[in-house]
């Protein structure tokens, strides 16, 4: 896997999509004005437009979009731990479980290797789907959560690949970016809802409500498609970063191939809160959609495509078998306390984030 090239490509595509998102917001605002102008001409063609007609339409639409963004991002600022607990996650119990001790060690090792902050480690118990997610607005409230199935069926190498993927999302600022975009999409949806509310009043207002609703629906759908496109590029970037950090394609590749096997045998992907709208786009693997339109709104690339990018060719699923890993002790803390200076990753990776 040419992870440097794929990382650069993912960053370029992200910048293009974010620019397109900003343009889409401006187009929506102008579309609302044009729709209202058309409705005015149909109803009151003998009268001139009221004074300030454009400014009121433009300002009102922009206020709805930015107001919705502010409200939604405010709700998401409660932190990664709050979100994880909301869907049933708990703190990893390293002193009570060897598998959870291994997970804590892996998170600490990779955080040191990447010279980054250490997120809180959490587990989703009683979850039979191999999955994980990272969340958090700031480093101090960031969290990496994995499912019980991941602890049961993944080897240490595969667990490293999964954790490296999630750490990439935190260190690259993907969780913050996705929350910002989610807030903006909510703002676009408010324009549609406002038009729908006017439409229900009937009379002449019905025409103006329909005009706003039509423009708002187009803007909201475009926003969702662009948000999903940005998310797919960040998934490609996180995959490439995981391969770079672990120097093993069989780590993350093995995880995805086992998930592919799980999908084909039982279809288990989203359960025990993993299908919640607040977290679904943050998962390592999202649930598969059947309808064609929903693929445009998928926040993740197809699983087979991600596997092909990692290996350079299609690969078959791996059998699901419970792993028996040797017991581990909390040995990483002693290593971290030695203060070994800059990590190897920080010397060769121009994109690595240095700790304060």
Protein backbone atom coordinates (compact mmCIF):
# COMPACT_ATOMS: atom_id res chain seq x y z
CA UNK A 1 0.00 0.00 0.00
CA UNK A 2 1.43 3.40 -1.00
CA UNK A 3 0.23 5.10 2.16
CA UNK A 4 2.03 8.41 1.56
CA UNK A 5 0.37 8.87 -1.83
CA UNK A 6 -3.04 7.83 -0.50
CA UNK A 7 -2.76 10.26 2.41
CA UNK A 8 -1.90 13.16 0.09
CA UNK A 9 -4.74 12.22 -2.24
CA UNK A 10 -7.24 12.03 0.64
CA UNK A 11 -6.18 15.46 1.93
CA UNK A 12 -6.49 17.03 -1.53
CA UNK A 13 -9.94 15.56 -2.04
CA UNK A 14 -11.02 16.73 1.42
CA UNK A 15 -10.02 20.32 0.63
CA UNK A 16 -11.95 20.22 -2.65
CA UNK A 17 -15.05 18.82 -0.95
CA UNK A 18 -14.96 21.38 1.86
CA UNK A 19 -14.76 24.16 -0.72
CA UNK A 20 -17.70 22.59 -2.53
CA UNK A 21 -19.60 22.48 0.77
CA UNK A 22 -19.08 26.22 1.33
CA UNK A 23 -20.19 26.94 -2.24
CA UNK A 24 -23.29 24.75 -1.71
CA UNK A 25 -24.29 26.83 1.34
CA UNK A 26 -24.02 30.06 -0.67
CA UNK A 27 -25.95 28.54 -3.57
CA UNK A 28 -28.69 27.48 -1.14
CA UNK A 29 -28.98 31.01 0.22
CA UNK A 30 -29.31 32.46 -3.27
CA UNK A 31 -31.69 29.65 -4.28
CA UNK A 32 -34.01 30.56 -1.42
CA UNK A 33 -34.02 34.17 -2.59
CA UNK A 34 -34.72 33.20 -6.21
CA UNK A 35 -37.52 30.85 -5.12
CA UNK A 36 -39.14 33.54 -3.02
CA UNK A 37 -38.73 36.03 -5.87
CA UNK A 38 -40.45 33.60 -8.24
CA UNK A 39 -43.29 33.11 -5.76
CA UNK A 40 -43.66 36.91 -5.44
CA UNK A 41 -43.84 37.31 -9.22
CA UNK A 42 -46.53 34.63 -9.46
CA UNK A 43 -48.68 36.16 -6.73
CA UNK A 44 -47.92 39.88 -6.95
CA UNK A 45 -46.64 40.47 -10.47
CA UNK A 46 -48.17 43.97 -10.54
CA UNK A 47 -46.16 45.13 -7.51
CA UNK A 48 -42.48 45.84 -7.14
CA UNK A 49 -40.39 43.82 -4.71
CA UNK A 50 -40.48 45.21 -1.16
CA UNK A 51 -37.53 47.27 -0.02
CA UNK A 52 -34.77 45.07 1.35
CA UNK A 53 -36.33 41.93 -0.17
CA UNK A 54 -32.95 40.46 -1.09
CA UNK A 55 -31.26 41.34 2.21
CA UNK A 56 -34.08 39.84 4.26
CA UNK A 57 -34.07 36.62 2.23
CA UNK A 58 -30.29 36.31 2.22
CA UNK A 59 -29.85 37.20 5.88
CA UNK A 60 -32.73 35.04 7.08
CA UNK A 61 -31.51 31.97 5.21
CA UNK A 62 -27.93 32.44 6.38
CA UNK A 63 -29.13 32.96 9.95
CA UNK A 64 -31.03 29.67 9.85
CA UNK A 65 -28.01 27.77 8.53
CA UNK A 66 -25.51 29.27 11.00
CA UNK A 67 -27.99 29.11 13.87
CA UNK A 68 -28.61 25.42 13.24
CA UNK A 69 -24.86 24.81 13.04
CA UNK A 70 -24.32 26.60 16.37
CA UNK A 71 -27.10 24.67 18.12
CA UNK A 72 -26.01 21.25 16.85
CA UNK A 73 -22.28 21.72 17.48
CA UNK A 74 -23.17 22.96 20.97
CA UNK A 75 -24.94 19.66 21.62
CA UNK A 76 -21.91 17.73 20.34
CA UNK A 77 -19.42 19.64 22.50
CA UNK A 78 -20.35 17.57 25.55
CA UNK A 79 -17.37 15.34 24.82
CA UNK A 80 -16.43 11.91 23.58
CA UNK A 81 -16.94 10.17 26.91
CA UNK A 82 -20.45 11.55 27.22
CA UNK A 83 -21.29 10.27 23.74
CA UNK A 84 -19.71 6.87 24.40
CA UNK A 85 -21.63 6.39 27.65
CA UNK A 86 -24.81 7.50 25.90
CA UNK A 87 -24.64 4.45 23.64
CA UNK A 88 -23.67 2.01 26.40
CA UNK A 89 -19.86 2.12 26.61
CA UNK A 90 -17.93 1.93 29.88
CA UNK A 91 -14.32 2.48 30.96
CA UNK A 92 -11.91 -0.34 30.14
CA UNK A 93 -11.26 -2.50 33.21
CA UNK A 94 -7.61 -3.39 32.73
CA UNK A 95 -7.25 -4.81 36.24
CA UNK A 96 -10.11 -7.27 35.74
CA UNK A 97 -9.70 -8.42 32.13
CA UNK A 98 -6.57 -9.52 30.27
CA UNK A 99 -8.20 -8.62 26.94
CA UNK A 100 -8.96 -5.10 28.16
CA UNK A 101 -5.44 -4.79 29.59
CA UNK A 102 -4.13 -5.65 26.13
CA UNK A 103 -6.37 -2.96 24.62
CA UNK A 104 -5.13 -0.32 27.09
CA UNK A 105 -1.53 -1.30 26.35
CA UNK A 106 -2.08 -1.05 22.60
CA UNK A 107 -3.65 2.41 22.88
CA UNK A 108 -0.76 3.61 25.08
CA UNK A 109 1.89 2.13 22.78
CA UNK A 110 0.47 3.69 19.64
CA UNK A 111 -0.09 7.05 21.36
CA UNK A 112 3.59 7.11 22.32
CA UNK A 113 4.68 6.00 18.84
CA UNK A 114 2.63 8.79 17.25
CA UNK A 115 3.85 11.29 19.88
CA UNK A 116 0.26 12.28 20.55
CA UNK A 117 -2.12 12.58 23.48
CA UNK A 118 -3.69 9.51 25.06
CA UNK A 119 -7.44 9.19 24.69
CA UNK A 120 -9.64 7.48 27.26
CA UNK A 121 -10.14 3.79 26.53
CA UNK A 122 -13.66 2.40 26.65
CA UNK A 123 -15.43 -0.85 25.81
CA UNK A 124 -18.88 -1.62 24.42
CA UNK A 125 -19.78 -4.85 26.27
CA UNK A 126 -22.27 -7.42 24.97
CA UNK A 127 -21.77 -6.21 21.39
CA UNK A 128 -21.29 -9.01 18.87
CA UNK A 129 -20.16 -6.80 15.98
CA UNK A 130 -16.45 -6.15 15.44
CA UNK A 131 -16.29 -2.37 15.47
CA UNK A 132 -14.79 0.71 17.13
CA UNK A 133 -15.07 4.47 17.08
CA UNK A 134 -13.19 7.57 18.21
CA UNK A 135 -14.89 10.73 19.44
CA UNK A 136 -14.01 13.95 21.19
CA UNK A 137 -13.91 17.67 20.63
CA UNK A 138 -10.71 18.31 22.61
CA UNK A 139 -7.80 15.99 23.57
CA UNK A 140 -8.87 15.85 27.22
CA UNK A 141 -12.33 14.49 26.36
CA UNK A 142 -11.29 12.22 23.48
CA UNK A 143 -12.10 8.54 23.61
CA UNK A 144 -11.40 5.35 21.70
CA UNK A 145 -14.07 2.70 22.23
CA UNK A 146 -14.04 -0.86 20.89
CA UNK A 147 -16.66 -3.56 21.02
CA UNK A 148 -16.46 -6.78 22.99
CA UNK A 149 -16.37 -8.74 19.72
CA UNK A 150 -13.19 -6.91 18.74
CA UNK A 151 -11.55 -8.05 21.97
CA UNK A 152 -12.77 -11.61 21.42
CA UNK A 153 -11.90 -12.13 17.74
CA UNK A 154 -8.94 -9.87 16.96
CA UNK A 155 -5.29 -10.72 17.43
CA UNK A 156 -2.95 -8.17 18.98
CA UNK A 157 -1.68 -7.15 15.55
CA UNK A 158 -5.24 -6.64 14.31
CA UNK A 159 -6.16 -4.70 17.44
CA UNK A 160 -3.18 -2.43 16.74
CA UNK A 161 -4.47 -1.79 13.22
CA UNK A 162 -7.95 -0.95 14.51
CA UNK A 163 -6.67 1.39 17.23
CA UNK A 164 -4.23 3.09 14.84
CA UNK A 165 -7.12 3.84 12.48
CA UNK A 166 -9.14 5.44 15.29
CA UNK A 167 -6.16 7.41 16.62
CA UNK A 168 -5.64 8.83 13.15
CA UNK A 169 -9.16 10.29 13.28
CA UNK A 170 -8.31 12.01 16.58
CA UNK A 171 -4.86 13.29 15.60
CA UNK A 172 -5.99 14.49 12.17
CA UNK A 173 -8.94 16.37 13.69
CA UNK A 174 -11.48 14.23 11.84
CA UNK A 175 -13.84 13.96 14.82
CA UNK A 176 -14.02 17.74 15.12
CA UNK A 177 -14.42 18.13 11.35
CA UNK A 178 -17.26 15.60 11.21
CA UNK A 179 -19.04 17.30 14.09
CA UNK A 180 -18.74 20.68 12.36
CA UNK A 181 -20.14 19.27 9.13
CA UNK A 182 -22.94 17.51 11.00
CA UNK A 183 -23.86 20.88 12.52
CA UNK A 184 -23.85 22.56 9.12
CA UNK A 185 -26.09 19.88 7.63
CA UNK A 186 -28.50 20.41 10.53
CA UNK A 187 -28.52 24.12 9.67
CA UNK A 188 -29.38 23.30 6.06
CA UNK A 189 -32.18 21.09 7.31
CA UNK A 190 -33.59 23.98 9.33
CA UNK A 191 -34.17 25.91 6.10
CA UNK A 192 -36.28 23.01 4.83
CA UNK A 193 -38.15 22.76 8.14
CA UNK A 194 -38.86 26.49 8.13
CA UNK A 195 -40.39 26.23 4.65
CA UNK A 196 -42.42 23.23 5.74
CA UNK A 197 -43.76 25.17 8.75
CA UNK A 198 -44.83 28.08 6.51
CA UNK A 199 -46.43 25.67 4.06
CA UNK A 200 -48.73 24.27 6.75
CA UNK A 201 -50.29 27.69 7.38
CA UNK A 202 -52.02 27.67 3.99
CA UNK A 203 -53.24 30.69 2.07
CA UNK A 204 -50.70 32.85 0.26
CA UNK A 205 -48.02 31.79 2.75
CA UNK A 206 -48.30 28.28 1.28
CA UNK A 207 -46.62 29.48 -1.92
CA UNK A 208 -43.66 31.02 -0.10
CA UNK A 209 -43.37 27.97 2.14
CA UNK A 210 -43.19 25.69 -0.88
CA UNK A 211 -40.51 27.89 -2.44
CA UNK A 212 -38.33 27.76 0.69
CA UNK A 213 -39.02 24.04 1.15
CA UNK A 214 -37.95 23.24 -2.42
CA UNK A 215 -34.68 25.18 -2.16
CA UNK A 216 -34.05 23.84 1.35
CA UNK A 217 -34.55 20.20 0.36
CA UNK A 218 -32.05 20.52 -2.49
CA UNK A 219 -29.52 22.23 -0.21
CA UNK A 220 -30.00 19.71 2.60
CA UNK A 221 -29.56 16.72 0.28
CA UNK A 222 -26.47 18.29 -1.32
CA UNK A 223 -25.03 18.97 2.12
CA UNK A 224 -25.55 15.37 3.21
CA UNK A 225 -23.92 14.04 0.04
CA UNK A 226 -20.88 16.32 0.45
CA UNK A 227 -20.60 15.51 4.17
CA UNK A 228 -20.61 11.79 3.34
CA UNK A 229 -18.00 12.34 0.62
CA UNK A 230 -15.69 14.15 3.05
CA UNK A 231 -16.16 11.36 5.59
CA UNK A 232 -15.24 8.70 3.01
CA UNK A 233 -11.99 10.52 2.19
CA UNK A 234 -11.10 10.74 5.88
CA UNK A 235 -11.67 6.98 6.19
CA UNK A 236 -9.19 6.38 3.36
CA UNK A 237 -6.74 8.71 5.12
CA UNK A 238 -7.16 6.88 8.45
CA UNK A 239 -6.63 3.51 6.75
CA UNK A 240 -3.39 4.76 5.18
CA UNK A 241 -2.20 6.25 8.48
CA UNK A 242 -2.88 2.98 10.29
CA UNK A 243 -0.73 1.06 7.79
CA UNK A 244 2.01 3.70 8.10
CA UNK A 245 2.09 3.63 11.90
CA UNK A 246 1.88 -0.14 12.34
CA UNK A 247 3.88 -1.03 9.20
CA UNK A 248 1.51 -3.96 8.78
CA UNK A 249 -1.24 -4.29 6.24
CA UNK A 250 -2.41 -7.52 7.89
CA UNK A 251 -3.33 -5.62 11.05
CA UNK A 252 -6.10 -3.35 9.78
CA UNK A 253 -6.56 -5.58 6.73
CA UNK A 254 -7.27 -8.56 8.96
CA UNK A 255 -9.86 -6.56 10.92
CA UNK A 256 -11.73 -5.54 7.77
CA UNK A 257 -11.61 -9.07 6.37
CA UNK A 258 -13.10 -10.46 9.59
CA UNK A 259 -15.80 -7.79 9.51
CA UNK A 260 -16.51 -8.81 5.91
CA UNK A 261 -16.94 -12.40 7.07
CA UNK A 262 -19.24 -11.27 9.86
CA UNK A 263 -21.36 -9.25 7.45
CA UNK A 264 -21.75 -12.14 5.04
CA UNK A 265 -22.63 -14.71 7.69
CA UNK A 266 -24.85 -12.79 10.09
CA UNK A 267 -25.16 -9.21 8.85
CA UNK A 268 -24.18 -8.02 12.34
CA UNK A 269 -22.77 -4.50 12.11
CA UNK A 270 -24.95 -2.04 13.98
CA UNK A 271 -26.29 -3.09 17.36
CA UNK A 272 -26.26 -2.05 21.02
CA UNK A 273 -26.29 1.64 20.13
CA UNK A 274 -23.91 1.49 17.15
CA UNK A 275 -26.76 2.45 14.83
CA UNK A 276 -27.29 5.74 16.71
CA UNK A 277 -27.17 8.70 14.32
CA UNK A 278 -24.69 10.55 16.55
CA UNK A 279 -22.07 7.82 16.30
CA UNK A 280 -22.76 5.86 13.12
CA UNK A 281 -20.52 8.06 10.95
CA UNK A 282 -17.66 7.66 13.47
CA UNK A 283 -17.52 3.86 13.40
CA UNK A 284 -14.70 1.85 11.89
CA UNK A 285 -17.32 0.17 9.72
CA UNK A 286 -20.87 1.41 9.18
CA UNK A 287 -23.88 -0.75 8.50
CA UNK A 288 -24.46 -1.67 4.86
CA UNK A 289 -27.29 -0.03 2.93
CA UNK A 290 -29.39 -1.79 0.36
CA UNK A 291 -31.01 1.06 -1.53
CA UNK A 292 -28.92 2.68 -4.26
CA UNK A 293 -29.53 6.27 -3.12
CA UNK A 294 -28.22 5.49 0.35
CA UNK A 295 -24.80 4.62 -1.09
CA UNK A 296 -24.42 8.30 -2.00
CA UNK A 297 -24.96 9.06 1.68
CA UNK A 298 -22.63 6.36 3.04
CA UNK A 299 -20.05 7.86 5.41
CA UNK A 300 -17.61 5.00 4.70
CA UNK A 301 -16.21 3.56 1.46
CA UNK A 302 -17.36 0.04 0.56
CA UNK A 303 -15.61 -2.53 2.71
CA UNK A 304 -14.31 -4.48 -0.31
CA UNK A 305 -12.78 -1.29 -1.73
CA UNK A 306 -10.94 -0.52 1.51
CA UNK A 307 -9.53 -4.05 1.60
CA UNK A 308 -8.45 -3.79 -2.05
CA UNK A 309 -6.64 -0.52 -1.37
CA UNK A 310 -4.76 -2.05 1.55
CA UNK A 311 -3.63 -5.21 -0.25
CA UNK A 312 -3.61 -3.99 -3.84
CA UNK A 313 -6.03 -6.75 -4.83
CA UNK A 314 -9.35 -8.27 -3.65
CA UNK A 315 -9.06 -10.53 -0.62
CA UNK A 316 -11.32 -13.19 0.81
CA UNK A 317 -12.90 -12.92 4.29
CA UNK A 318 -11.05 -14.37 7.27
CA UNK A 319 -12.72 -16.98 9.50
CA UNK A 320 -14.02 -15.79 12.86
CA UNK A 321 -12.29 -17.59 15.68
CA UNK A 322 -11.81 -16.54 19.27
CA UNK A 323 -8.17 -15.64 19.88
CA UNK A 324 -6.13 -16.79 22.84
CA UNK A 325 -3.48 -14.13 23.44
CA UNK A 326 -0.88 -14.37 26.25
CA UNK A 327 -1.65 -12.34 29.34
CA UNK A 328 -0.16 -8.85 29.53
CA UNK A 329 0.79 -6.57 32.37
CA UNK A 330 0.62 -2.78 32.45
CA UNK A 331 4.15 -2.43 31.13
CA UNK A 332 3.66 0.62 28.97
CA UNK A 333 3.49 3.14 31.81
CA UNK A 334 7.12 2.45 32.73
CA UNK A 335 8.18 2.96 29.13
CA UNK A 336 6.29 6.24 28.88
CA UNK A 337 7.79 7.51 32.15
CA UNK A 338 11.34 7.20 30.79
CA UNK A 339 10.80 10.17 28.50
CA UNK A 340 12.61 8.67 25.52
CA UNK A 341 12.30 11.89 23.50
CA UNK A 342 10.74 12.26 20.02
CA UNK A 343 9.25 9.08 18.59
CA UNK A 344 10.45 7.47 15.39
CA UNK A 345 7.16 8.40 13.77
CA UNK A 346 7.70 12.08 14.59
CA UNK A 347 11.08 12.03 12.80
CA UNK A 348 9.82 10.58 9.52
CA UNK A 349 6.21 11.79 9.35
CA UNK A 350 5.78 15.46 8.37
CA UNK A 351 2.12 15.36 9.43
CA UNK A 352 2.65 14.04 12.95
CA UNK A 353 1.32 16.20 15.78
CA UNK A 354 3.78 16.96 18.56
CA UNK A 355 2.68 16.94 22.16
CA UNK A 356 2.72 20.12 24.24
